[in-house]
N, C-alpha and C. Protein backbone atom coordinates (compact mmCIF):
# COMPACT_ATOMS: atom_id res chain seq x y z
N MET A 1 0.84 -1.20 0.00
CA MET A 1 0.00 0.00 0.00
C MET A 1 0.88 1.25 0.00
N SER A 2 0.53 2.17 -0.86
CA SER A 2 1.29 3.41 -0.89
C SER A 2 0.77 4.36 0.19
N GLU A 3 1.65 5.24 0.62
CA GLU A 3 1.25 6.22 1.63
C GLU A 3 0.13 7.13 1.13
N ILE A 4 0.18 7.45 -0.15
CA ILE A 4 -0.85 8.32 -0.73
C ILE A 4 -2.21 7.63 -0.70
N ALA A 5 -2.24 6.35 -1.06
CA ALA A 5 -3.51 5.61 -1.06
C ALA A 5 -4.08 5.51 0.35
N VAL A 6 -3.21 5.30 1.33
CA VAL A 6 -3.65 5.22 2.73
C VAL A 6 -4.20 6.56 3.18
N ALA A 7 -3.47 7.65 2.87
CA ALA A 7 -3.92 8.99 3.26
C ALA A 7 -5.23 9.36 2.57
N LEU A 8 -5.36 9.01 1.29
CA LEU A 8 -6.59 9.30 0.55
C LEU A 8 -7.77 8.56 1.17
N GLY A 9 -7.61 7.28 1.42
CA GLY A 9 -8.68 6.49 2.03
C GLY A 9 -9.08 7.03 3.39
N LYS A 10 -8.08 7.39 4.18
CA LYS A 10 -8.35 7.95 5.51
C LYS A 10 -9.12 9.27 5.40
N ARG A 11 -8.71 10.11 4.46
CA ARG A 11 -9.37 11.41 4.29
C ARG A 11 -10.81 11.26 3.83
N ILE A 12 -11.05 10.33 2.91
CA ILE A 12 -12.42 10.09 2.45
C ILE A 12 -13.28 9.63 3.61
N ARG A 13 -12.76 8.70 4.42
CA ARG A 13 -13.50 8.21 5.58
C ARG A 13 -13.78 9.34 6.58
N GLU A 14 -12.77 10.21 6.81
CA GLU A 14 -12.96 11.34 7.73
C GLU A 14 -14.09 12.25 7.26
N LEU A 15 -14.04 12.63 5.99
CA LEU A 15 -15.07 13.52 5.45
C LEU A 15 -16.45 12.86 5.50
N ARG A 16 -16.49 11.59 5.16
CA ARG A 16 -17.77 10.85 5.16
C ARG A 16 -18.35 10.80 6.57
N THR A 17 -17.53 10.51 7.56
CA THR A 17 -18.05 10.41 8.93
C THR A 17 -18.41 11.79 9.49
N GLU A 18 -17.68 12.83 9.08
CA GLU A 18 -18.05 14.19 9.49
C GLU A 18 -19.45 14.55 9.00
N LEU A 19 -19.81 14.01 7.84
CA LEU A 19 -21.13 14.28 7.26
C LEU A 19 -22.18 13.27 7.73
N HIS A 20 -21.78 12.38 8.63
CA HIS A 20 -22.67 11.34 9.16
C HIS A 20 -23.26 10.49 8.03
N MET A 21 -22.40 10.14 7.09
CA MET A 21 -22.82 9.32 5.95
C MET A 21 -22.28 7.90 6.12
N SER A 22 -23.09 6.95 5.74
CA SER A 22 -22.62 5.57 5.70
C SER A 22 -21.86 5.36 4.39
N GLN A 23 -21.13 4.24 4.32
CA GLN A 23 -20.46 3.91 3.07
C GLN A 23 -21.49 3.73 1.96
N GLU A 24 -22.63 3.14 2.31
CA GLU A 24 -23.67 2.93 1.30
C GLU A 24 -24.19 4.26 0.76
N GLU A 25 -24.41 5.23 1.65
CA GLU A 25 -24.91 6.53 1.20
C GLU A 25 -23.91 7.22 0.27
N LEU A 26 -22.64 7.25 0.69
CA LEU A 26 -21.63 7.92 -0.12
C LEU A 26 -21.45 7.20 -1.45
N SER A 27 -21.39 5.90 -1.42
CA SER A 27 -21.20 5.16 -2.67
C SER A 27 -22.37 5.39 -3.62
N PHE A 28 -23.59 5.46 -3.08
CA PHE A 28 -24.76 5.74 -3.90
C PHE A 28 -24.64 7.11 -4.56
N LYS A 29 -24.30 8.11 -3.76
CA LYS A 29 -24.16 9.47 -4.29
C LYS A 29 -23.05 9.57 -5.33
N ALA A 30 -21.99 8.79 -5.14
CA ALA A 30 -20.85 8.84 -6.05
C ALA A 30 -21.02 7.91 -7.25
N GLY A 31 -22.00 7.03 -7.20
CA GLY A 31 -22.22 6.12 -8.31
C GLY A 31 -21.22 4.97 -8.38
N ILE A 32 -20.72 4.55 -7.20
CA ILE A 32 -19.82 3.40 -7.15
C ILE A 32 -20.41 2.40 -6.16
N SER A 33 -19.87 1.20 -6.13
CA SER A 33 -20.40 0.19 -5.21
C SER A 33 -19.87 0.42 -3.80
N PRO A 34 -20.65 0.04 -2.79
CA PRO A 34 -20.16 0.14 -1.41
C PRO A 34 -18.87 -0.66 -1.19
N ALA A 35 -18.76 -1.80 -1.85
CA ALA A 35 -17.55 -2.62 -1.71
C ALA A 35 -16.34 -1.87 -2.25
N HIS A 36 -16.51 -1.20 -3.39
CA HIS A 36 -15.40 -0.43 -3.97
C HIS A 36 -14.99 0.71 -3.05
N LEU A 37 -15.97 1.40 -2.48
CA LEU A 37 -15.66 2.48 -1.55
C LEU A 37 -14.89 1.94 -0.35
N GLY A 38 -15.33 0.82 0.19
CA GLY A 38 -14.63 0.22 1.34
C GLY A 38 -13.19 -0.11 0.99
N GLN A 39 -12.96 -0.62 -0.21
CA GLN A 39 -11.60 -0.94 -0.64
C GLN A 39 -10.75 0.33 -0.79
N ILE A 40 -11.36 1.40 -1.27
CA ILE A 40 -10.64 2.68 -1.39
C ILE A 40 -10.28 3.20 -0.01
N GLU A 41 -11.24 3.17 0.92
CA GLU A 41 -10.98 3.68 2.27
C GLU A 41 -9.90 2.86 2.99
N ARG A 42 -9.81 1.57 2.68
CA ARG A 42 -8.79 0.71 3.29
C ARG A 42 -7.49 0.70 2.50
N ALA A 43 -7.45 1.44 1.39
CA ALA A 43 -6.30 1.53 0.50
C ALA A 43 -6.01 0.20 -0.18
N ALA A 44 -7.00 -0.66 -0.28
CA ALA A 44 -6.84 -1.93 -0.99
C ALA A 44 -6.96 -1.71 -2.49
N LYS A 45 -7.65 -0.65 -2.90
CA LYS A 45 -7.80 -0.27 -4.31
C LYS A 45 -7.47 1.21 -4.45
N ARG A 46 -6.95 1.55 -5.61
CA ARG A 46 -6.64 2.95 -5.91
C ARG A 46 -7.68 3.47 -6.90
N PRO A 47 -8.40 4.53 -6.53
CA PRO A 47 -9.43 5.05 -7.45
C PRO A 47 -8.81 5.78 -8.62
N ASN A 48 -9.51 5.75 -9.76
CA ASN A 48 -9.04 6.54 -10.89
C ASN A 48 -9.51 7.99 -10.72
N VAL A 49 -9.08 8.84 -11.61
CA VAL A 49 -9.38 10.28 -11.51
C VAL A 49 -10.89 10.52 -11.53
N ASP A 50 -11.62 9.81 -12.38
CA ASP A 50 -13.07 10.00 -12.44
C ASP A 50 -13.73 9.65 -11.11
N THR A 51 -13.30 8.56 -10.50
CA THR A 51 -13.87 8.14 -9.21
C THR A 51 -13.54 9.16 -8.13
N ILE A 52 -12.33 9.69 -8.14
CA ILE A 52 -11.96 10.73 -7.17
C ILE A 52 -12.88 11.93 -7.34
N GLY A 53 -13.14 12.33 -8.58
CA GLY A 53 -14.04 13.45 -8.84
C GLY A 53 -15.45 13.18 -8.35
N LYS A 54 -15.94 11.96 -8.58
CA LYS A 54 -17.29 11.59 -8.12
C LYS A 54 -17.38 11.60 -6.61
N LEU A 55 -16.35 11.06 -5.94
CA LEU A 55 -16.36 11.04 -4.48
C LEU A 55 -16.31 12.46 -3.91
N ALA A 56 -15.45 13.29 -4.47
CA ALA A 56 -15.35 14.68 -4.01
C ALA A 56 -16.68 15.40 -4.17
N SER A 57 -17.30 15.23 -5.33
CA SER A 57 -18.60 15.86 -5.58
C SER A 57 -19.65 15.36 -4.59
N ALA A 58 -19.68 14.07 -4.34
CA ALA A 58 -20.65 13.50 -3.40
C ALA A 58 -20.42 13.99 -1.98
N LEU A 59 -19.17 14.30 -1.66
CA LEU A 59 -18.83 14.82 -0.33
C LEU A 59 -18.98 16.34 -0.27
N GLY A 60 -19.19 16.98 -1.39
CA GLY A 60 -19.37 18.43 -1.42
C GLY A 60 -18.08 19.20 -1.25
N VAL A 61 -16.98 18.62 -1.71
CA VAL A 61 -15.67 19.27 -1.58
C VAL A 61 -14.96 19.23 -2.93
N PRO A 62 -13.99 20.12 -3.14
CA PRO A 62 -13.20 20.02 -4.37
C PRO A 62 -12.29 18.78 -4.28
N PRO A 63 -11.93 18.20 -5.40
CA PRO A 63 -11.05 17.02 -5.36
C PRO A 63 -9.77 17.23 -4.55
N SER A 64 -9.24 18.42 -4.59
CA SER A 64 -8.00 18.69 -3.84
C SER A 64 -8.18 18.48 -2.34
N ALA A 65 -9.40 18.63 -1.83
CA ALA A 65 -9.65 18.45 -0.40
C ALA A 65 -9.46 17.00 0.03
N LEU A 66 -9.48 16.07 -0.92
CA LEU A 66 -9.27 14.66 -0.59
C LEU A 66 -7.79 14.36 -0.35
N PHE A 67 -6.93 15.31 -0.71
CA PHE A 67 -5.48 15.09 -0.58
C PHE A 67 -4.85 16.00 0.47
N THR A 68 -5.66 16.70 1.23
CA THR A 68 -5.13 17.59 2.27
C THR A 68 -5.81 17.28 3.59
N ASP A 69 -5.18 17.72 4.66
CA ASP A 69 -5.77 17.54 5.99
C ASP A 69 -6.51 18.79 6.45
N GLU A 70 -6.65 19.76 5.53
CA GLU A 70 -7.36 20.98 5.90
C GLU A 70 -8.80 20.65 6.27
N GLN A 71 -9.29 21.34 7.26
CA GLN A 71 -10.68 21.15 7.66
C GLN A 71 -11.57 21.88 6.66
N THR A 72 -12.45 21.14 6.05
CA THR A 72 -13.40 21.74 5.12
C THR A 72 -14.78 21.73 5.74
N PRO A 73 -15.48 22.84 5.63
CA PRO A 73 -16.82 22.86 6.21
C PRO A 73 -17.74 21.92 5.44
N PRO A 74 -18.65 21.24 6.14
CA PRO A 74 -19.57 20.36 5.43
C PRO A 74 -20.49 21.18 4.54
N PRO A 75 -21.01 20.59 3.47
CA PRO A 75 -21.91 21.33 2.60
C PRO A 75 -23.16 21.76 3.37
N GLU A 76 -23.71 22.87 2.93
CA GLU A 76 -24.89 23.40 3.60
C GLU A 76 -26.09 22.47 3.38
N ARG A 77 -26.80 22.22 4.44
CA ARG A 77 -27.98 21.35 4.36
C ARG A 77 -29.19 22.22 4.03
N THR A 78 -29.94 21.79 3.04
CA THR A 78 -31.12 22.55 2.62
C THR A 78 -32.31 22.20 3.52
N ALA A 79 -33.32 23.03 3.47
CA ALA A 79 -34.53 22.77 4.24
C ALA A 79 -35.18 21.46 3.78
N THR A 80 -35.11 21.20 2.49
CA THR A 80 -35.69 19.95 1.96
C THR A 80 -34.96 18.74 2.53
N LEU A 81 -33.64 18.81 2.58
CA LEU A 81 -32.88 17.69 3.13
C LEU A 81 -33.20 17.49 4.61
N GLU A 82 -33.38 18.56 5.34
CA GLU A 82 -33.75 18.45 6.75
C GLU A 82 -35.11 17.76 6.91
N LYS A 83 -36.05 18.09 6.03
CA LYS A 83 -37.38 17.46 6.08
C LYS A 83 -37.29 15.97 5.75
N ILE A 84 -36.47 15.65 4.76
CA ILE A 84 -36.28 14.23 4.41
C ILE A 84 -35.66 13.48 5.57
N ASP A 85 -34.65 14.07 6.18
CA ASP A 85 -34.01 13.44 7.35
C ASP A 85 -35.01 13.20 8.47
N ALA A 86 -35.85 14.18 8.73
CA ALA A 86 -36.84 14.04 9.79
C ALA A 86 -37.78 12.88 9.51
N GLN A 87 -38.18 12.74 8.26
CA GLN A 87 -39.06 11.63 7.89
C GLN A 87 -38.34 10.29 8.04
N LEU A 88 -37.10 10.23 7.59
CA LEU A 88 -36.34 8.98 7.66
C LEU A 88 -36.09 8.56 9.10
N LEU A 89 -35.85 9.53 9.97
CA LEU A 89 -35.59 9.20 11.38
C LEU A 89 -36.80 8.57 12.06
N SER A 90 -37.99 8.84 11.55
CA SER A 90 -39.19 8.27 12.15
C SER A 90 -39.52 6.88 11.59
N MET A 91 -38.70 6.40 10.66
CA MET A 91 -38.95 5.11 10.02
C MET A 91 -38.06 4.02 10.59
N THR A 92 -38.52 2.79 10.40
CA THR A 92 -37.68 1.65 10.77
C THR A 92 -36.57 1.51 9.73
N GLU A 93 -35.57 0.71 10.05
CA GLU A 93 -34.47 0.52 9.10
C GLU A 93 -34.96 -0.13 7.81
N ASP A 94 -35.91 -1.05 7.91
CA ASP A 94 -36.47 -1.67 6.71
C ASP A 94 -37.17 -0.62 5.84
N GLU A 95 -37.92 0.27 6.46
CA GLU A 95 -38.60 1.33 5.70
C GLU A 95 -37.58 2.26 5.06
N GLN A 96 -36.49 2.56 5.77
CA GLN A 96 -35.44 3.40 5.20
C GLN A 96 -34.81 2.74 3.98
N ARG A 97 -34.59 1.43 4.05
CA ARG A 97 -34.04 0.71 2.90
C ARG A 97 -35.00 0.77 1.72
N ASP A 98 -36.30 0.67 1.99
CA ASP A 98 -37.30 0.77 0.92
C ASP A 98 -37.23 2.14 0.25
N VAL A 99 -37.09 3.19 1.05
CA VAL A 99 -36.99 4.55 0.50
C VAL A 99 -35.73 4.65 -0.37
N LEU A 100 -34.62 4.09 0.09
CA LEU A 100 -33.39 4.12 -0.69
C LEU A 100 -33.57 3.39 -2.02
N ARG A 101 -34.25 2.26 -2.00
CA ARG A 101 -34.53 1.53 -3.24
C ARG A 101 -35.37 2.39 -4.20
N ILE A 102 -36.38 3.05 -3.66
CA ILE A 102 -37.24 3.91 -4.49
C ILE A 102 -36.43 5.04 -5.11
N ILE A 103 -35.55 5.65 -4.33
CA ILE A 103 -34.71 6.74 -4.84
C ILE A 103 -33.83 6.21 -5.97
N ARG A 104 -33.25 5.04 -5.78
CA ARG A 104 -32.39 4.47 -6.83
C ARG A 104 -33.19 4.20 -8.10
N ILE A 105 -34.41 3.70 -7.94
CA ILE A 105 -35.26 3.44 -9.11
C ILE A 105 -35.57 4.75 -9.83
N LEU A 106 -35.93 5.78 -9.06
CA LEU A 106 -36.24 7.08 -9.68
C LEU A 106 -35.03 7.65 -10.41
N ARG A 107 -33.86 7.55 -9.79
CA ARG A 107 -32.65 8.08 -10.42
C ARG A 107 -32.31 7.32 -11.70
N SER A 108 -32.45 5.99 -11.67
CA SER A 108 -32.14 5.22 -12.87
C SER A 108 -33.17 5.50 -13.97
N TYR A 109 -34.41 5.74 -13.58
CA TYR A 109 -35.46 6.07 -14.56
C TYR A 109 -35.15 7.40 -15.23
N LYS A 110 -34.70 8.39 -14.45
CA LYS A 110 -34.40 9.70 -15.01
C LYS A 110 -33.21 9.67 -15.97
N LYS A 111 -32.30 8.71 -15.78
CA LYS A 111 -31.12 8.62 -16.64
C LYS A 111 -31.42 7.99 -17.99
N GLN A 112 -32.56 7.30 -18.10
CA GLN A 112 -32.92 6.63 -19.34
C GLN A 112 -33.46 7.65 -20.34
N PRO A 113 -33.09 7.48 -21.62
CA PRO A 113 -33.64 8.41 -22.62
C PRO A 113 -35.15 8.19 -22.75
N PRO A 114 -35.90 9.25 -23.03
CA PRO A 114 -37.35 9.09 -23.15
C PRO A 114 -37.71 8.24 -24.35
N GLU A 115 -38.76 7.45 -24.19
CA GLU A 115 -39.27 6.66 -25.31
C GLU A 115 -40.13 7.57 -26.18
N LYS A 116 -40.40 7.15 -27.39
CA LYS A 116 -41.15 8.00 -28.31
C LYS A 116 -42.51 8.38 -27.74
N ASP A 117 -43.17 7.47 -27.02
CA ASP A 117 -44.48 7.77 -26.45
C ASP A 117 -44.37 8.79 -25.33
N ASP A 118 -43.18 8.88 -24.68
CA ASP A 118 -43.02 9.79 -23.56
C ASP A 118 -42.72 11.23 -24.01
N GLU A 119 -42.28 11.39 -25.24
CA GLU A 119 -41.92 12.73 -25.71
C GLU A 119 -43.17 13.57 -25.91
N ILE A 120 -43.00 14.83 -25.66
CA ILE A 120 -44.12 15.76 -25.80
C ILE A 120 -43.95 16.58 -27.04
């Protein structure tokens, strides 16, 4: 393991935990698998430039922040996000997983090109 890979993985984990995000949440936002994120955080895998950019974006920081120990303020939480959090906190873990599945379905649906019948 290189020192850079270890430092990068540690920094990603620090930022993720500061934001109270699970590996699953961050990996979802970054568009990578939770297993891949875990390997990056443990320095078992080295992310490519695109993955570093996706992780930085999902963490709300510039990519350079993943390579420094500077304290970066967490991204501002919107009123909508606060309302979503409040709803999720009142749910069981199974219900929260269902919501996550629904979000993933909606996101994958939005990424698909419209069919001819869907066009206006």
